[in-house]
Amino acid sequence: MNAKKRVAILISGRGSNMTALIEAAKAPDYPAEIVGVFSNRAAAPGLETARAEGIETATLAQSSFPSRLDFENRLTEILEGWRADIVCLAGFMRILTPEFTAHWQGRLLNIHPSLLPDFPGLDTHARALAGNVAEHGCTVHFVTPGLDEGPAILQARVPVLPGDTPETLAARVLVEEHKLYPEALRMVALGEA
């Protein structure tokens, strides 16, 4: 097997998708290894999870920088210091600049809780229910400058059930996210996507 791809994960909160990627990467035949976890929030619970797994972490507050671009330039320095081949956004609640997405083009992944192109942005579960859709789900996609517009790698579908609330629907979608993201990263690491 070729050398494993080096993966950095960007989070802002608890990092449940980060945890799913870390667990997947423990398999000896998984083609990627998690080399660092970055958060724009120093109190993100996911940082402690990563540290407990022996994974290097870093944090920066965007408010300490004069511009988004200055923040992202420093973030890129951190990611390149980890020699990251692939960067996975896992609940990283920042809109990235076109400069950052261009630098990491084809190597920057995100998971989004809807069947893109439906319901980009926030509040996807409530919007899906308001739209009376029969199916909802999640998408792993390459990140491009447009919000949630990049090419899809994989999608998982869940039925919308009678009586669903945004919370019940979100819980079912999250189960699928935790399976989908590791599979999409595997495909990208192997050059299959």
N, C-alpha and C. Protein backbone atom coordinates (compact mmCIF):
# COMPACT_ATOMS: atom_id res chain seq x y z
N MET A 1 0.85 -1.19 0.00
CA MET A 1 0.00 0.00 0.00
C MET A 1 0.88 1.24 0.00
N ASN A 2 0.44 2.26 -0.71
CA ASN A 2 1.17 3.52 -0.72
C ASN A 2 1.12 4.15 0.66
N ALA A 3 1.95 5.16 0.86
CA ALA A 3 1.94 5.86 2.14
C ALA A 3 0.56 6.45 2.39
N LYS A 4 0.17 6.44 3.66
CA LYS A 4 -1.13 7.01 4.01
C LYS A 4 -1.13 8.51 3.78
N LYS A 5 -2.26 9.04 3.32
CA LYS A 5 -2.42 10.48 3.16
C LYS A 5 -2.52 11.12 4.54
N ARG A 6 -1.89 12.27 4.68
CA ARG A 6 -1.89 13.01 5.94
C ARG A 6 -3.08 13.96 5.94
N VAL A 7 -3.92 13.85 6.97
CA VAL A 7 -5.19 14.58 7.01
C VAL A 7 -5.24 15.49 8.23
N ALA A 8 -5.62 16.74 7.99
CA ALA A 8 -5.91 17.68 9.07
C ALA A 8 -7.41 17.91 9.10
N ILE A 9 -7.95 18.08 10.29
CA ILE A 9 -9.39 18.29 10.46
C ILE A 9 -9.61 19.64 11.12
N LEU A 10 -10.57 20.41 10.58
CA LEU A 10 -10.93 21.72 11.13
C LEU A 10 -12.29 21.61 11.79
N ILE A 11 -12.36 22.03 13.06
CA ILE A 11 -13.61 21.94 13.83
C ILE A 11 -13.90 23.28 14.50
N SER A 12 -15.14 23.41 14.98
CA SER A 12 -15.50 24.56 15.81
C SER A 12 -16.19 24.13 17.10
N GLY A 13 -16.57 22.86 17.19
CA GLY A 13 -17.35 22.41 18.34
C GLY A 13 -16.93 21.05 18.85
N ARG A 14 -17.93 20.17 19.04
CA ARG A 14 -17.65 18.87 19.68
C ARG A 14 -16.90 17.91 18.76
N GLY A 15 -17.05 18.09 17.45
CA GLY A 15 -16.26 17.28 16.54
C GLY A 15 -16.71 15.85 16.43
N SER A 16 -18.01 15.58 16.34
CA SER A 16 -18.44 14.19 16.23
C SER A 16 -18.02 13.58 14.90
N ASN A 17 -18.04 14.34 13.82
CA ASN A 17 -17.53 13.81 12.55
C ASN A 17 -16.02 13.64 12.59
N MET A 18 -15.33 14.53 13.31
CA MET A 18 -13.89 14.37 13.53
C MET A 18 -13.63 13.02 14.20
N THR A 19 -14.40 12.71 15.23
CA THR A 19 -14.23 11.45 15.96
C THR A 19 -14.46 10.26 15.04
N ALA A 20 -15.45 10.35 14.16
CA ALA A 20 -15.70 9.26 13.21
C ALA A 20 -14.49 9.07 12.29
N LEU A 21 -13.88 10.17 11.85
CA LEU A 21 -12.69 10.07 10.99
C LEU A 21 -11.51 9.49 11.76
N ILE A 22 -11.32 9.92 13.00
CA ILE A 22 -10.22 9.39 13.82
C ILE A 22 -10.39 7.88 14.01
N GLU A 23 -11.61 7.45 14.30
CA GLU A 23 -11.86 6.03 14.52
C GLU A 23 -11.60 5.24 13.25
N ALA A 24 -12.05 5.75 12.11
CA ALA A 24 -11.83 5.05 10.84
C ALA A 24 -10.34 4.92 10.54
N ALA A 25 -9.59 5.97 10.83
CA ALA A 25 -8.15 5.99 10.52
C ALA A 25 -7.34 5.03 11.39
N LYS A 26 -7.94 4.50 12.45
CA LYS A 26 -7.23 3.52 13.29
C LYS A 26 -7.08 2.17 12.60
N ALA A 27 -7.91 1.91 11.60
CA ALA A 27 -7.82 0.62 10.89
C ALA A 27 -6.50 0.57 10.12
N PRO A 28 -5.76 -0.52 10.23
CA PRO A 28 -4.46 -0.61 9.57
C PRO A 28 -4.52 -0.41 8.05
N ASP A 29 -5.64 -0.80 7.44
CA ASP A 29 -5.74 -0.69 5.98
C ASP A 29 -6.41 0.60 5.52
N TYR A 30 -6.70 1.52 6.45
CA TYR A 30 -7.32 2.79 6.05
C TYR A 30 -6.24 3.65 5.41
N PRO A 31 -6.52 4.29 4.26
CA PRO A 31 -5.46 4.97 3.51
C PRO A 31 -5.12 6.38 3.97
N ALA A 32 -5.60 6.78 5.14
CA ALA A 32 -5.32 8.13 5.63
C ALA A 32 -5.02 8.07 7.12
N GLU A 33 -4.23 9.04 7.58
CA GLU A 33 -3.96 9.18 9.01
C GLU A 33 -4.28 10.62 9.41
N ILE A 34 -4.81 10.79 10.61
CA ILE A 34 -5.16 12.12 11.11
C ILE A 34 -3.92 12.67 11.81
N VAL A 35 -3.39 13.78 11.28
CA VAL A 35 -2.13 14.32 11.80
C VAL A 35 -2.33 15.59 12.62
N GLY A 36 -3.50 16.21 12.55
CA GLY A 36 -3.72 17.42 13.32
C GLY A 36 -5.17 17.83 13.31
N VAL A 37 -5.58 18.50 14.38
CA VAL A 37 -6.94 19.05 14.50
C VAL A 37 -6.81 20.51 14.88
N PHE A 38 -7.46 21.36 14.11
CA PHE A 38 -7.44 22.80 14.33
C PHE A 38 -8.84 23.27 14.67
N SER A 39 -8.93 24.24 15.59
CA SER A 39 -10.22 24.88 15.88
C SER A 39 -10.05 26.38 15.94
N ASN A 40 -11.07 27.08 15.46
CA ASN A 40 -11.11 28.53 15.61
C ASN A 40 -11.71 28.92 16.97
N ARG A 41 -12.06 27.93 17.78
CA ARG A 41 -12.57 28.18 19.13
C ARG A 41 -11.74 27.38 20.12
N ALA A 42 -11.03 28.08 21.00
CA ALA A 42 -10.14 27.41 21.95
C ALA A 42 -10.89 26.45 22.88
N ALA A 43 -12.18 26.73 23.13
CA ALA A 43 -12.96 25.89 24.05
C ALA A 43 -13.69 24.76 23.33
N ALA A 44 -13.42 24.53 22.06
CA ALA A 44 -14.11 23.46 21.33
C ALA A 44 -13.83 22.11 22.00
N PRO A 45 -14.88 21.40 22.42
CA PRO A 45 -14.67 20.10 23.09
C PRO A 45 -13.91 19.09 22.24
N GLY A 46 -14.01 19.19 20.93
CA GLY A 46 -13.31 18.26 20.05
C GLY A 46 -11.80 18.32 20.19
N LEU A 47 -11.27 19.45 20.61
CA LEU A 47 -9.81 19.56 20.80
C LEU A 47 -9.33 18.58 21.87
N GLU A 48 -10.09 18.47 22.94
CA GLU A 48 -9.72 17.55 24.02
C GLU A 48 -9.81 16.11 23.54
N THR A 49 -10.83 15.81 22.74
CA THR A 49 -10.95 14.47 22.17
C THR A 49 -9.72 14.13 21.34
N ALA A 50 -9.30 15.08 20.49
CA ALA A 50 -8.13 14.85 19.64
C ALA A 50 -6.87 14.66 20.49
N ARG A 51 -6.70 15.52 21.50
CA ARG A 51 -5.51 15.40 22.37
C ARG A 51 -5.48 14.04 23.06
N ALA A 52 -6.65 13.57 23.50
CA ALA A 52 -6.72 12.27 24.18
C ALA A 52 -6.31 11.13 23.24
N GLU A 53 -6.44 11.35 21.94
CA GLU A 53 -6.03 10.36 20.94
C GLU A 53 -4.57 10.55 20.53
N GLY A 54 -3.88 11.52 21.14
CA GLY A 54 -2.48 11.77 20.82
C GLY A 54 -2.27 12.54 19.52
N ILE A 55 -3.31 13.24 19.08
CA ILE A 55 -3.25 14.00 17.83
C ILE A 55 -2.90 15.45 18.16
N GLU A 56 -1.99 16.01 17.39
CA GLU A 56 -1.58 17.40 17.59
C GLU A 56 -2.77 18.33 17.34
N THR A 57 -2.86 19.38 18.14
CA THR A 57 -3.95 20.34 17.98
C THR A 57 -3.39 21.76 17.92
N ALA A 58 -4.20 22.64 17.35
CA ALA A 58 -3.86 24.07 17.32
C ALA A 58 -5.16 24.85 17.32
N THR A 59 -5.09 26.06 17.81
CA THR A 59 -6.27 26.93 17.82
C THR A 59 -5.84 28.38 17.61
N LEU A 60 -6.66 29.09 16.88
CA LEU A 60 -6.47 30.53 16.66
C LEU A 60 -7.84 31.17 16.64
N ALA A 61 -7.94 32.35 17.22
CA ALA A 61 -9.19 33.12 17.12
C ALA A 61 -9.06 34.10 15.96
N GLN A 62 -10.02 34.07 15.07
CA GLN A 62 -9.97 34.98 13.92
C GLN A 62 -9.94 36.43 14.38
N SER A 63 -10.55 36.71 15.53
CA SER A 63 -10.60 38.09 16.03
C SER A 63 -9.21 38.65 16.35
N SER A 64 -8.20 37.77 16.48
CA SER A 64 -6.83 38.26 16.75
C SER A 64 -6.11 38.72 15.49
N PHE A 65 -6.76 38.59 14.34
CA PHE A 65 -6.11 38.93 13.07
C PHE A 65 -6.83 40.11 12.41
N PRO A 66 -6.08 40.94 11.67
CA PRO A 66 -6.71 42.10 11.06
C PRO A 66 -7.71 41.76 9.95
N SER A 67 -7.58 40.56 9.35
CA SER A 67 -8.50 40.20 8.27
C SER A 67 -8.67 38.69 8.22
N ARG A 68 -9.70 38.25 7.51
CA ARG A 68 -9.91 36.82 7.31
C ARG A 68 -8.73 36.21 6.58
N LEU A 69 -8.20 36.94 5.61
CA LEU A 69 -7.08 36.42 4.83
C LEU A 69 -5.84 36.22 5.70
N ASP A 70 -5.57 37.16 6.61
CA ASP A 70 -4.43 37.01 7.53
C ASP A 70 -4.63 35.77 8.41
N PHE A 71 -5.85 35.58 8.90
CA PHE A 71 -6.18 34.40 9.71
C PHE A 71 -5.94 33.12 8.90
N GLU A 72 -6.43 33.10 7.67
CA GLU A 72 -6.30 31.90 6.84
C GLU A 72 -4.86 31.65 6.41
N ASN A 73 -4.08 32.71 6.21
CA ASN A 73 -2.67 32.52 5.89
C ASN A 73 -1.96 31.82 7.04
N ARG A 74 -2.27 32.24 8.27
CA ARG A 74 -1.67 31.58 9.44
C ARG A 74 -2.17 30.14 9.56
N LEU A 75 -3.46 29.92 9.29
CA LEU A 75 -4.01 28.56 9.32
C LEU A 75 -3.29 27.68 8.29
N THR A 76 -3.06 28.20 7.10
CA THR A 76 -2.35 27.44 6.07
C THR A 76 -0.94 27.08 6.54
N GLU A 77 -0.28 28.01 7.23
CA GLU A 77 1.06 27.71 7.76
C GLU A 77 1.00 26.52 8.73
N ILE A 78 -0.03 26.50 9.58
CA ILE A 78 -0.19 25.40 10.53
C ILE A 78 -0.43 24.09 9.78
N LEU A 79 -1.33 24.12 8.81
CA LEU A 79 -1.66 22.91 8.05
C LEU A 79 -0.45 22.41 7.28
N GLU A 80 0.31 23.32 6.69
CA GLU A 80 1.50 22.91 5.97
C GLU A 80 2.59 22.43 6.92
N GLY A 81 2.62 22.97 8.15
CA GLY A 81 3.54 22.47 9.16
C GLY A 81 3.23 21.02 9.52
N TRP A 82 1.96 20.64 9.45
CA TRP A 82 1.56 19.25 9.67
C TRP A 82 1.75 18.40 8.41
N ARG A 83 2.16 19.03 7.31
CA ARG A 83 2.32 18.38 6.01
C ARG A 83 1.02 17.69 5.58
N ALA A 84 -0.08 18.42 5.77
CA ALA A 84 -1.40 17.87 5.42
C ALA A 84 -1.53 17.73 3.90
N ASP A 85 -1.97 16.54 3.49
CA ASP A 85 -2.31 16.30 2.09
C ASP A 85 -3.76 16.67 1.82
N ILE A 86 -4.61 16.43 2.80
CA ILE A 86 -6.06 16.63 2.69
C ILE A 86 -6.52 17.36 3.94
N VAL A 87 -7.48 18.28 3.77
CA VAL A 87 -8.07 18.99 4.90
C VAL A 87 -9.56 18.69 4.91
N CYS A 88 -10.06 18.23 6.07
CA CYS A 88 -11.48 17.92 6.23
C CYS A 88 -12.13 18.92 7.18
N LEU A 89 -13.17 19.58 6.69
CA LEU A 89 -13.97 20.45 7.55
C LEU A 89 -15.01 19.58 8.24
N ALA A 90 -15.07 19.67 9.55
CA ALA A 90 -16.00 18.85 10.33
C ALA A 90 -16.68 19.76 11.35
N GLY A 91 -17.67 20.51 10.87
CA GLY A 91 -18.33 21.47 11.74
C GLY A 91 -17.49 22.71 11.97
N PHE A 92 -16.69 23.07 10.99
CA PHE A 92 -15.88 24.30 11.07
C PHE A 92 -16.77 25.44 10.60
N MET A 93 -17.18 26.29 11.55
CA MET A 93 -18.21 27.29 11.28
C MET A 93 -17.62 28.62 10.83
N ARG A 94 -16.91 28.57 9.72
CA ARG A 94 -16.35 29.77 9.11
C ARG A 94 -16.56 29.65 7.61
N ILE A 95 -16.85 30.76 6.97
CA ILE A 95 -16.88 30.79 5.50
C ILE A 95 -15.45 31.09 5.07
N LEU A 96 -14.93 30.27 4.20
CA LEU A 96 -13.53 30.40 3.79
C LEU A 96 -13.41 31.29 2.55
N THR A 97 -12.28 31.99 2.46
CA THR A 97 -12.08 32.91 1.33
C THR A 97 -11.77 32.11 0.06
N PRO A 98 -12.01 32.73 -1.10
CA PRO A 98 -11.64 32.08 -2.36
C PRO A 98 -10.14 31.77 -2.43
N GLU A 99 -9.32 32.60 -1.80
CA GLU A 99 -7.87 32.35 -1.79
C GLU A 99 -7.54 31.05 -1.07
N PHE A 100 -8.16 30.83 0.09
CA PHE A 100 -7.91 29.61 0.86
C PHE A 100 -8.42 28.39 0.09
N THR A 101 -9.64 28.47 -0.44
CA THR A 101 -10.20 27.31 -1.14
C THR A 101 -9.39 27.02 -2.40
N ALA A 102 -8.86 28.05 -3.07
CA ALA A 102 -8.03 27.82 -4.27
C ALA A 102 -6.73 27.12 -3.89
N HIS A 103 -6.14 27.53 -2.76
CA HIS A 103 -4.88 26.93 -2.31
C HIS A 103 -5.04 25.43 -2.07
N TRP A 104 -6.18 25.04 -1.51
CA TRP A 104 -6.42 23.64 -1.13
C TRP A 104 -7.34 22.93 -2.13
N GLN A 105 -7.56 23.49 -3.30
CA GLN A 105 -8.50 22.93 -4.27
C GLN A 105 -8.21 21.45 -4.54
N GLY A 106 -9.29 20.66 -4.49
CA GLY A 106 -9.17 19.23 -4.72
C GLY A 106 -8.68 18.45 -3.52
N ARG A 107 -8.33 19.18 -2.44
CA ARG A 107 -7.82 18.53 -1.22
C ARG A 107 -8.60 18.98 0.02
N LEU A 108 -9.67 19.75 -0.19
CA LEU A 108 -10.45 20.34 0.90
C LEU A 108 -11.87 19.76 0.83
N LEU A 109 -12.26 19.03 1.88
CA LEU A 109 -13.55 18.35 1.92
C LEU A 109 -14.42 18.94 3.03
N ASN A 110 -15.73 18.83 2.83
CA ASN A 110 -16.69 19.25 3.85
C ASN A 110 -17.83 18.25 3.88
N ILE A 111 -18.46 18.13 5.03
CA ILE A 111 -19.69 17.36 5.12
C ILE A 111 -20.80 18.34 5.45
N HIS A 112 -21.92 18.19 4.73
CA HIS A 112 -23.04 19.12 4.88
C HIS A 112 -24.31 18.32 5.15
N PRO A 113 -25.13 18.75 6.12
CA PRO A 113 -26.32 17.98 6.49
C PRO A 113 -27.54 18.24 5.60
N SER A 114 -27.36 18.01 4.30
CA SER A 114 -28.49 17.99 3.37
C SER A 114 -28.04 17.29 2.10
N LEU A 115 -28.98 17.00 1.24
CA LEU A 115 -28.68 16.42 -0.06
C LEU A 115 -28.44 17.57 -1.02
N LEU A 116 -27.21 18.06 -1.02
CA LEU A 116 -26.88 19.18 -1.90
C LEU A 116 -27.18 18.79 -3.36
N PRO A 117 -27.66 19.71 -4.18
CA PRO A 117 -27.68 21.16 -3.97
C PRO A 117 -28.86 21.68 -3.15
N ASP A 118 -29.71 20.79 -2.62
CA ASP A 118 -30.82 21.25 -1.78
C ASP A 118 -30.31 21.74 -0.43
N PHE A 119 -30.83 22.83 0.03
CA PHE A 119 -30.61 23.37 1.38
C PHE A 119 -29.15 23.63 1.75
N PRO A 120 -28.45 24.43 0.96
CA PRO A 120 -27.11 24.86 1.39
C PRO A 120 -27.24 25.80 2.59
N GLY A 121 -26.15 26.00 3.31
CA GLY A 121 -26.17 26.93 4.44
C GLY A 121 -26.69 26.28 5.72
N LEU A 122 -27.30 27.11 6.55
CA LEU A 122 -27.71 26.68 7.90
C LEU A 122 -29.15 26.21 7.96
N ASP A 123 -29.53 25.65 9.11
CA ASP A 123 -30.90 25.23 9.42
C ASP A 123 -31.47 24.26 8.39
N THR A 124 -30.64 23.33 7.93
CA THR A 124 -31.05 22.45 6.85
C THR A 124 -32.23 21.54 7.23
N HIS A 125 -32.25 21.05 8.45
CA HIS A 125 -33.29 20.09 8.85
C HIS A 125 -34.65 20.78 8.92
N ALA A 126 -34.70 21.96 9.52
CA ALA A 126 -35.96 22.71 9.58
C ALA A 126 -36.42 23.08 8.17
N ARG A 127 -35.48 23.46 7.32
CA ARG A 127 -35.83 23.85 5.95
C ARG A 127 -36.33 22.64 5.16
N ALA A 128 -35.74 21.47 5.38
CA ALA A 128 -36.21 20.26 4.70
C ALA A 128 -37.63 19.93 5.13
N LEU A 129 -37.91 20.04 6.43
CA LEU A 129 -39.27 19.77 6.91
C LEU A 129 -40.26 20.79 6.36
N ALA A 130 -39.87 22.05 6.34
CA ALA A 130 -40.75 23.10 5.79
C ALA A 130 -41.00 22.88 4.30
N GLY A 131 -40.03 22.26 3.63
CA GLY A 131 -40.17 22.00 2.20
C GLY A 131 -40.94 20.72 1.88
N ASN A 132 -41.39 20.02 2.92
CA ASN A 132 -42.16 18.79 2.75
C ASN A 132 -41.48 17.76 1.84
N VAL A 133 -40.16 17.63 2.00
CA VAL A 133 -39.44 16.64 1.18
C VAL A 133 -39.64 15.24 1.76
N ALA A 134 -39.57 14.24 0.90
CA ALA A 134 -39.72 12.86 1.35
C ALA A 134 -38.41 12.29 1.86
N GLU A 135 -37.29 12.84 1.35
CA GLU A 135 -35.97 12.37 1.74
C GLU A 135 -35.09 13.54 2.12
N HIS A 136 -34.18 13.26 3.04
CA HIS A 136 -33.20 14.24 3.47
C HIS A 136 -31.90 13.46 3.60
N GLY A 137 -30.83 14.07 4.03
CA GLY A 137 -29.60 13.32 4.19
C GLY A 137 -28.40 14.21 4.34
N CYS A 138 -27.26 13.73 3.83
CA CYS A 138 -26.01 14.46 3.97
C CYS A 138 -25.15 14.24 2.74
N THR A 139 -24.22 15.17 2.55
CA THR A 139 -23.34 15.17 1.38
C THR A 139 -21.92 15.47 1.82
N VAL A 140 -20.96 14.68 1.35
CA VAL A 140 -19.55 15.06 1.46
C VAL A 140 -19.17 15.60 0.10
N HIS A 141 -18.57 16.80 0.10
CA HIS A 141 -18.25 17.46 -1.16
C HIS A 141 -16.89 18.15 -1.08
N PHE A 142 -16.31 18.39 -2.25
CA PHE A 142 -15.12 19.22 -2.32
C PHE A 142 -15.54 20.66 -2.10
N VAL A 143 -14.71 21.42 -1.39
CA VAL A 143 -15.03 22.82 -1.10
C VAL A 143 -14.51 23.69 -2.24
N THR A 144 -15.39 24.58 -2.68
CA THR A 144 -15.07 25.59 -3.69
C THR A 144 -15.47 26.95 -3.10
N PRO A 145 -15.17 28.05 -3.79
CA PRO A 145 -15.49 29.35 -3.20
C PRO A 145 -16.98 29.56 -2.89
N GLY A 146 -17.89 28.98 -3.68
CA GLY A 146 -19.32 29.16 -3.41
C GLY A 146 -19.77 28.29 -2.24
N LEU A 147 -20.64 28.83 -1.40
CA LEU A 147 -21.10 28.12 -0.20
C LEU A 147 -21.80 26.82 -0.56
N ASP A 148 -21.23 25.70 -0.13
CA ASP A 148 -21.81 24.37 -0.32
C ASP A 148 -22.10 24.06 -1.79
N GLU A 149 -21.27 24.59 -2.69
CA GLU A 149 -21.49 24.40 -4.12
C GLU A 149 -20.52 23.41 -4.76
N GLY A 150 -19.52 22.93 -4.05
CA GLY A 150 -18.50 22.08 -4.66
C GLY A 150 -19.04 20.73 -5.08
N PRO A 151 -18.30 20.04 -5.96
CA PRO A 151 -18.74 18.73 -6.45
C PRO A 151 -18.93 17.72 -5.32
N ALA A 152 -20.05 17.00 -5.38
CA ALA A 152 -20.34 15.97 -4.37
C ALA A 152 -19.43 14.77 -4.58
N ILE A 153 -18.99 14.18 -3.48
CA ILE A 153 -18.21 12.94 -3.50
C ILE A 153 -19.15 11.77 -3.21
N LEU A 154 -19.91 11.88 -2.13
CA LEU A 154 -20.89 10.85 -1.74
C LEU A 154 -22.08 11.51 -1.05
N GLN A 155 -23.22 10.83 -1.12
CA GLN A 155 -24.40 11.28 -0.36
C GLN A 155 -25.02 10.08 0.33
N ALA A 156 -25.70 10.34 1.44
CA ALA A 156 -26.49 9.32 2.14
C ALA A 156 -27.88 9.89 2.35
N ARG A 157 -28.89 9.05 2.18
CA ARG A 157 -30.28 9.50 2.27
C ARG A 157 -30.97 8.88 3.48
N VAL A 158 -31.86 9.64 4.07
CA VAL A 158 -32.74 9.12 5.12
C VAL A 158 -34.16 9.56 4.78
N PRO A 159 -35.15 8.73 5.11
CA PRO A 159 -36.53 9.15 4.87
C PRO A 159 -36.94 10.20 5.89
N VAL A 160 -37.80 11.11 5.46
CA VAL A 160 -38.43 12.03 6.40
C VAL A 160 -39.69 11.34 6.89
N LEU A 161 -39.80 11.18 8.21
CA LEU A 161 -40.91 10.41 8.80
C LEU A 161 -42.00 11.34 9.32
N PRO A 162 -43.24 10.85 9.35
CA PRO A 162 -44.32 11.64 9.94
C PRO A 162 -43.96 11.98 11.39
N GLY A 163 -44.18 13.21 11.78
CA GLY A 163 -43.89 13.62 13.14
C GLY A 163 -42.45 14.03 13.38
N ASP A 164 -41.61 13.98 12.34
CA ASP A 164 -40.22 14.40 12.51
C ASP A 164 -40.15 15.85 12.96
N THR A 165 -39.18 16.11 13.80
CA THR A 165 -38.82 17.49 14.18
C THR A 165 -37.42 17.73 13.63
N PRO A 166 -36.97 18.98 13.60
CA PRO A 166 -35.59 19.19 13.17
C PRO A 166 -34.59 18.36 13.99
N GLU A 167 -34.88 18.15 15.26
CA GLU A 167 -33.96 17.41 16.13
C GLU A 167 -33.96 15.91 15.80
N THR A 168 -35.13 15.32 15.59
CA THR A 168 -35.16 13.88 15.29
C THR A 168 -34.55 13.61 13.92
N LEU A 169 -34.83 14.50 12.98
CA LEU A 169 -34.27 14.34 11.64
C LEU A 169 -32.75 14.51 11.68
N ALA A 170 -32.29 15.51 12.43
CA ALA A 170 -30.84 15.75 12.56
C ALA A 170 -30.15 14.53 13.16
N ALA A 171 -30.76 13.90 14.15
CA ALA A 171 -30.14 12.74 14.80
C ALA A 171 -29.97 11.59 13.81
N ARG A 172 -30.99 11.35 12.97
CA ARG A 172 -30.87 10.27 11.98
C ARG A 172 -29.85 10.60 10.91
N VAL A 173 -29.80 11.85 10.50
CA VAL A 173 -28.81 12.26 9.49
C VAL A 173 -27.40 12.13 10.06
N LEU A 174 -27.21 12.50 11.32
CA LEU A 174 -25.88 12.44 11.93
C LEU A 174 -25.32 11.01 11.94
N VAL A 175 -26.18 10.03 12.18
CA VAL A 175 -25.74 8.63 12.13
C VAL A 175 -25.14 8.34 10.75
N GLU A 176 -25.80 8.82 9.71
CA GLU A 176 -25.31 8.59 8.34
C GLU A 176 -24.03 9.39 8.07
N GLU A 177 -23.94 10.60 8.61
CA GLU A 177 -22.73 11.42 8.44
C GLU A 177 -21.51 10.66 8.94
N HIS A 178 -21.65 10.03 10.09
CA HIS A 178 -20.51 9.34 10.71
C HIS A 178 -20.04 8.14 9.90
N LYS A 179 -20.90 7.59 9.05
CA LYS A 179 -20.49 6.51 8.14
C LYS A 179 -19.97 7.08 6.83
N LEU A 180 -20.62 8.13 6.34
CA LEU A 180 -20.34 8.67 5.01
C LEU A 180 -18.98 9.36 4.94
N TYR A 181 -18.64 10.17 5.94
CA TYR A 181 -17.41 10.96 5.86
C TYR A 181 -16.17 10.06 5.79
N PRO A 182 -16.05 9.05 6.64
CA PRO A 182 -14.88 8.17 6.53
C PRO A 182 -14.78 7.48 5.16
N GLU A 183 -15.92 7.09 4.59
CA GLU A 183 -15.90 6.45 3.28
C GLU A 183 -15.47 7.43 2.19
N ALA A 184 -15.97 8.66 2.24
CA ALA A 184 -15.59 9.67 1.25
C ALA A 184 -14.10 10.01 1.37
N LEU A 185 -13.60 10.14 2.60
CA LEU A 185 -12.17 10.41 2.79
C LEU A 185 -11.34 9.24 2.26
N ARG A 186 -11.79 8.02 2.49
CA ARG A 186 -11.08 6.86 1.96
C ARG A 186 -10.96 6.96 0.44
N MET A 187 -12.07 7.31 -0.21
CA MET A 187 -12.07 7.43 -1.67
C MET A 187 -11.10 8.51 -2.15
N VAL A 188 -11.12 9.65 -1.49
CA VAL A 188 -10.23 10.75 -1.89
C VAL A 188 -8.77 10.36 -1.66
N ALA A 189 -8.50 9.73 -0.51
CA ALA A 189 -7.12 9.33 -0.19
C ALA A 189 -6.59 8.32 -1.21
N LEU A 190 -7.46 7.50 -1.75
CA LEU A 190 -7.05 6.50 -2.73
C LEU A 190 -7.08 7.05 -4.16
N GLY A 191 -7.52 8.29 -4.33
CA GLY A 191 -7.61 8.86 -5.67
C GLY A 191 -8.82 8.38 -6.44
N GLU A 192 -9.84 7.89 -5.73
CA GLU A 192 -11.04 7.37 -6.39
C GLU A 192 -12.12 8.43 -6.54
N ALA A 193 -11.88 9.62 -6.03
CA ALA A 193 -12.87 10.70 -6.15
C ALA A 193 -12.18 11.97 -6.61
